[in-house]
Amino acid sequence: MPDIFTDSNGRPRLLWGAAVNTGSPRVAEMAGRVGFDITWLEMEHASAPDLAAAEALCVATEAGGAIPLIRAMGYRREHILQALEVGGRVIVVPMVNDAAAAREIVRWGKFRPLGERGYNTRSRAAGFGIELLSMERMNAENWLFPQIETLEAVRNLDEIIAVKGLGGLFIGPGDLSCDLGCPGDMTDSRLREIVCDCIARARSAGLHASILVNPGPLLDAALAAGADLCIIASDMGAIIQVWREQLRIIHSQDE
C-alpha cells in the first residue's frame, strides 16, 4: 500500500477525518464516500465497544475508500496489537505522558527489529495470509500516534518524540484544556500556544501531527503549525445540529 501521507505523485498530503461516534458501519462507509480521507473509530470511549465492532467499522471504512484510524483503549499489548489486527492503519493511544509509555506502543505495534509485535498471517492486517506480507511492509503500513493530552506529556514531549518507530503525535485539546483549567475552551491562548508548539516540534522531528477539533481558530493555528491529519467533524455532532434546526423550524411554525 502507498504511504497515506503522500499523494499519487509523492507529494505531502493533508488528511481530513470524521469521527464515527455512533459506531455505525454504514456511517463509516458513507464518510469515505462523501470524501473524508480518515474515519476516527473510538474504542477508548466505547463507541466501538469491542473488537468485532471495530473490525466491522474498519471493513466499512475501507469499502467507502477511506483509511481507518482507531483510538485504542490504552497501550497494553492487547490494546495495540488487536487494534492493528482488525484493520486499524493509524492507531492513536490515549494518555501517553512519557517516553516509557511511548516505547510500549512501539514495542507492541511494530514487528522486529523495531518492536515485538506478535505475528499472525491470518489477521485482516496481514490480508488473511492470502499473500505473504513481509514484516517490513506491514511496519511501513501502520502509523502509531501517542496522544498528548496532559501538561505532563507536554513537559516530556522531547523524550516522547525521540522514540523510534512512532509515526506522529496526536494532540488532544479537550483534555489539555481541562489540565489548563479552561475545560472545553478552544479559544484559550495558552491552549493554542501549547498545541502549535507540540505540532511544530513533532514536524521538526520528522513526525506527522494530528488533532481533533472543529473548524475555527484553533484548527487554523494547528494547520499553520504543520498539522497534516485533522479530525474536523463527527456524525453525532452533525445529527444533533440538523435535528435541532429541524425542531426549531417546526416549533417556529407553531407560534
Protein backbone atom coordinates (compact mmCIF):
# COMPACT_ATOMS: atom_id res chain seq x y z
CA MET A 1 0.00 0.00 0.00
CA PRO A 2 1.20 3.56 -0.66
CA ASP A 3 2.10 5.99 2.11
CA ILE A 4 -1.20 7.52 3.24
CA PHE A 5 0.52 10.86 3.84
CA THR A 6 1.59 11.29 0.20
CA ASP A 7 -0.48 11.60 -2.96
CA SER A 8 -0.05 9.59 -6.16
CA ASN A 9 2.75 11.95 -7.21
CA GLY A 10 4.64 11.52 -3.94
CA ARG A 11 3.75 14.98 -2.63
CA PRO A 12 2.77 15.59 1.02
CA ARG A 13 -0.94 15.13 1.61
CA LEU A 14 -3.22 16.71 4.22
CA LEU A 15 -5.72 14.17 5.55
CA TRP A 16 -9.22 15.19 6.69
CA GLY A 17 -11.18 12.95 9.01
CA ALA A 18 -14.60 12.43 10.56
CA ALA A 19 -15.36 10.73 13.86
CA VAL A 20 -17.92 7.92 13.69
CA ASN A 21 -19.20 8.17 17.25
CA THR A 22 -22.45 6.35 16.50
CA GLY A 23 -20.44 3.18 15.88
CA SER A 24 -22.42 2.65 12.67
CA PRO A 25 -20.64 0.79 9.82
CA ARG A 26 -22.98 2.44 7.33
CA VAL A 27 -21.92 5.88 8.51
CA ALA A 28 -18.26 4.82 8.42
CA GLU A 29 -18.65 3.79 4.80
CA MET A 30 -20.60 6.95 3.98
CA ALA A 31 -17.84 9.15 5.43
CA GLY A 32 -15.42 7.85 2.82
CA ARG A 33 -17.94 8.14 0.01
CA VAL A 34 -18.65 11.76 0.99
CA GLY A 35 -14.95 12.50 0.67
CA PHE A 36 -13.27 12.18 4.06
CA ASP A 37 -9.84 10.55 3.98
CA ILE A 38 -9.96 9.13 7.52
CA THR A 39 -12.58 7.74 9.86
CA TRP A 40 -11.97 8.10 13.60
CA LEU A 41 -13.12 4.88 15.26
CA GLU A 42 -13.39 5.14 19.01
CA MET A 43 -12.54 2.33 21.42
CA GLU A 44 -11.33 4.39 24.39
CA HIS A 45 -14.78 5.88 24.95
CA ALA A 46 -16.62 2.77 23.72
CA SER A 47 -18.32 3.93 20.52
CA ALA A 48 -16.80 0.70 19.19
CA PRO A 49 -17.28 -1.35 22.36
CA ASP A 50 -15.44 -4.48 21.23
CA LEU A 51 -13.13 -5.84 18.56
CA ALA A 52 -15.93 -7.24 16.42
CA ALA A 53 -17.49 -3.78 16.21
CA ALA A 54 -14.11 -2.18 15.46
CA GLU A 55 -13.42 -4.71 12.72
CA ALA A 56 -16.82 -4.09 11.10
CA LEU A 57 -16.11 -0.35 11.15
CA CYS A 58 -12.70 -0.89 9.51
CA VAL A 59 -14.26 -3.01 6.77
CA ALA A 60 -16.94 -0.38 6.15
CA THR A 61 -14.41 2.45 6.16
CA GLU A 62 -12.31 0.75 3.51
CA ALA A 63 -15.42 -0.03 1.45
CA GLY A 64 -16.05 3.71 1.35
CA GLY A 65 -12.48 4.40 0.25
CA ALA A 66 -11.20 5.90 3.50
CA ILE A 67 -8.50 4.91 5.99
CA PRO A 68 -9.44 3.51 9.41
CA LEU A 69 -7.99 5.23 12.46
CA ILE A 70 -8.62 3.53 15.80
CA ARG A 71 -8.18 5.22 19.13
CA ALA A 72 -7.17 2.25 21.25
CA MET A 73 -8.19 1.66 24.84
CA GLY A 74 -4.63 2.03 26.13
CA TYR A 75 -1.02 0.99 25.49
CA ARG A 76 -1.02 -2.58 26.77
CA ARG A 77 -0.05 -5.32 24.32
CA GLU A 78 -3.62 -6.42 23.61
CA HIS A 79 -4.82 -2.85 23.08
CA ILE A 80 -2.22 -2.09 20.40
CA LEU A 81 -1.97 -5.50 18.74
CA GLN A 82 -5.69 -6.13 18.40
CA ALA A 83 -6.47 -2.63 17.11
CA LEU A 84 -3.94 -3.30 14.36
CA GLU A 85 -5.11 -6.85 13.66
CA VAL A 86 -8.73 -5.84 12.98
CA GLY A 87 -7.57 -3.30 10.41
CA GLY A 88 -6.57 -0.01 12.01
CA ARG A 89 -3.99 1.74 9.86
CA VAL A 90 -3.47 4.66 12.24
CA ILE A 91 -3.51 3.84 15.94
CA VAL A 92 -3.95 6.68 18.42
CA VAL A 93 -3.09 5.78 22.01
CA PRO A 94 -4.58 7.96 24.76
CA MET A 95 -2.90 9.42 27.84
CA VAL A 96 0.72 8.89 26.85
CA ASN A 97 2.62 11.00 29.36
CA ASP A 98 6.23 9.88 29.00
CA ALA A 99 8.74 8.10 26.80
CA ALA A 100 8.30 4.80 28.66
CA ALA A 101 4.65 4.64 27.59
CA ALA A 102 5.59 5.65 24.04
CA ARG A 103 8.12 2.83 23.89
CA GLU A 104 5.41 0.36 24.87
CA ILE A 105 3.34 1.49 21.88
CA VAL A 106 6.21 0.73 19.52
CA ARG A 107 7.05 -2.48 21.36
CA TRP A 108 3.60 -3.96 20.70
CA GLY A 109 2.79 -2.11 17.48
CA LYS A 110 5.84 -2.84 15.33
CA PHE A 111 7.48 -6.06 14.23
CA ARG A 112 11.16 -6.68 14.86
CA PRO A 113 13.63 -5.04 14.77
CA LEU A 114 11.59 -2.01 15.90
CA GLY A 115 9.32 -3.86 18.32
CA GLU A 116 7.92 -7.20 19.42
CA ARG A 117 4.53 -7.31 17.69
CA GLY A 118 3.07 -10.80 17.56
CA TYR A 119 2.94 -12.29 14.06
CA ASN A 120 -0.20 -13.94 12.72
CA THR A 121 -0.68 -14.37 8.97
CA ARG A 122 -4.46 -14.90 9.23
CA SER A 123 -5.46 -11.47 10.55
CA ARG A 124 -7.08 -8.72 8.46
CA ALA A 125 -3.88 -6.72 8.87
CA ALA A 126 -1.95 -9.50 7.14
CA GLY A 127 -4.51 -9.91 4.35
CA PHE A 128 -5.63 -13.23 5.88
CA GLY A 129 -2.43 -14.81 4.61
CA ILE A 130 -3.64 -14.87 1.00
CA GLU A 131 -0.47 -13.03 0.03
CA LEU A 132 2.50 -13.36 2.37
CA LEU A 133 3.35 -9.85 3.56
CA SER A 134 6.79 -9.02 4.91
CA MET A 135 7.19 -7.61 8.38
CA GLU A 136 8.98 -4.63 6.85
CA ARG A 137 5.98 -3.86 4.65
CA MET A 138 3.49 -4.26 7.50
CA ASN A 139 5.60 -1.97 9.70
CA ALA A 140 5.53 0.63 6.94
CA GLU A 141 1.76 0.42 6.54
CA ASN A 142 0.74 1.48 10.02
CA TRP A 143 1.26 4.68 11.98
CA LEU A 144 1.45 4.81 15.77
CA PHE A 145 0.41 8.11 17.37
CA PRO A 146 0.74 8.71 21.12
CA GLN A 147 -1.87 11.19 22.30
CA ILE A 148 -0.54 14.30 24.01
CA GLU A 149 -3.32 15.50 26.28
CA THR A 150 -1.77 16.48 29.61
CA LEU A 151 0.72 19.08 30.75
CA GLU A 152 2.93 16.23 31.93
CA ALA A 153 3.07 14.89 28.37
CA VAL A 154 3.91 18.36 27.07
CA ARG A 155 6.80 18.62 29.55
CA ASN A 156 8.09 15.23 28.35
CA LEU A 157 7.49 15.88 24.66
CA ASP A 158 11.13 15.89 23.54
CA GLU A 159 11.69 12.45 25.07
CA ILE A 160 8.44 11.12 23.59
CA ILE A 161 9.15 12.24 20.03
CA ALA A 162 12.65 10.75 20.24
CA VAL A 163 11.18 7.22 20.49
CA LYS A 164 12.00 5.39 17.26
CA GLY A 165 9.05 3.78 15.49
CA LEU A 166 6.37 6.39 16.18
CA GLY A 167 4.60 7.79 13.14
CA GLY A 168 3.49 11.05 14.69
CA LEU A 169 1.70 12.74 17.56
CA PHE A 170 -1.97 13.27 18.19
CA ILE A 171 -2.78 16.42 20.14
CA GLY A 172 -5.84 16.12 22.39
CA PRO A 173 -7.05 19.68 23.03
CA GLY A 174 -10.05 18.58 25.10
CA ASP A 175 -8.14 17.03 27.99
CA LEU A 176 -5.36 19.58 27.60
CA SER A 177 -7.92 22.33 28.16
CA CYS A 178 -9.07 20.56 31.33
CA ASP A 179 -5.48 20.35 32.57
CA LEU A 180 -5.10 24.07 31.90
CA GLY A 181 -8.22 24.86 33.90
CA CYS A 182 -10.28 26.02 30.91
CA PRO A 183 -12.29 22.87 30.08
CA GLY A 184 -13.67 22.89 26.56
CA ASP A 185 -12.47 26.43 25.77
CA MET A 186 -10.78 26.01 22.41
CA THR A 187 -10.17 29.78 22.21
CA ASP A 188 -7.80 29.93 25.18
CA SER A 189 -4.49 31.44 24.09
CA ARG A 190 -2.44 29.13 26.34
CA LEU A 191 -4.04 26.09 24.73
CA ARG A 192 -3.40 27.40 21.24
CA GLU A 193 0.24 28.11 22.07
CA ILE A 194 0.80 24.61 23.50
CA VAL A 195 -0.95 22.90 20.59
CA CYS A 196 1.06 24.79 17.99
CA ASP A 197 4.34 24.24 19.83
CA CYS A 198 3.74 20.47 20.07
CA ILE A 199 2.84 20.24 16.40
CA ALA A 200 5.84 22.28 15.29
CA ARG A 201 8.23 20.18 17.42
CA ALA A 202 6.78 16.94 16.07
CA ARG A 203 7.11 18.10 12.48
CA SER A 204 10.68 19.30 13.08
CA ALA A 205 11.47 15.80 14.35
CA GLY A 206 10.16 14.28 11.11
CA LEU A 207 6.87 13.07 12.56
CA HIS A 208 3.30 13.67 11.44
CA ALA A 209 0.95 15.66 13.66
CA SER A 210 -2.77 15.26 14.18
CA ILE A 211 -5.58 16.96 16.07
CA LEU A 212 -9.32 16.56 16.62
CA VAL A 213 -11.02 19.94 16.65
CA ASN A 214 -13.93 21.67 14.95
CA PRO A 215 -13.23 24.23 12.21
CA GLY A 216 -12.25 27.54 13.78
CA PRO A 217 -9.23 29.47 15.07
CA LEU A 218 -7.58 26.50 16.82
CA LEU A 219 -7.77 24.36 13.69
CA ASP A 220 -6.39 27.24 11.63
CA ALA A 221 -3.49 27.65 14.04
CA ALA A 222 -2.80 23.90 14.06
CA LEU A 223 -2.68 23.84 10.26
CA ALA A 224 -0.32 26.81 10.20
CA ALA A 225 1.93 24.96 12.66
CA GLY A 226 2.07 21.93 10.35
CA ALA A 227 -0.74 19.53 11.30
CA ASP A 228 -1.32 17.07 8.47
CA LEU A 229 -4.12 14.87 9.84
CA CYS A 230 -7.17 16.70 11.17
CA ILE A 231 -10.40 15.19 12.50
CA ILE A 232 -12.84 18.04 11.95
CA ALA A 233 -16.33 16.52 12.08
CA SER A 234 -18.44 13.90 13.81
CA ASP A 235 -21.57 12.06 12.81
CA MET A 236 -23.29 12.69 16.15
CA GLY A 237 -22.43 16.39 16.08
CA ALA A 238 -23.90 16.72 12.59
CA ILE A 239 -27.06 14.83 13.54
CA ILE A 240 -27.60 16.97 16.66
CA GLN A 241 -27.13 20.17 14.68
CA VAL A 242 -29.57 19.15 11.94
CA TRP A 243 -32.18 17.80 14.36
CA ARG A 244 -32.09 20.96 16.45
CA GLU A 245 -32.59 23.07 13.35
CA GLN A 246 -35.47 20.92 12.17
CA LEU A 247 -37.16 21.21 15.57
CA ARG A 248 -36.56 24.97 15.56
CA ILE A 249 -38.32 25.26 12.20
CA ILE A 250 -41.26 23.13 13.34
CA HIS A 251 -41.67 25.00 16.62
CA SER A 252 -41.47 28.36 14.89
CA GLN A 253 -44.36 27.32 12.64
CA ASP A 254 -46.46 26.53 15.71
CA GLU A 255 -46.11 30.03 17.11
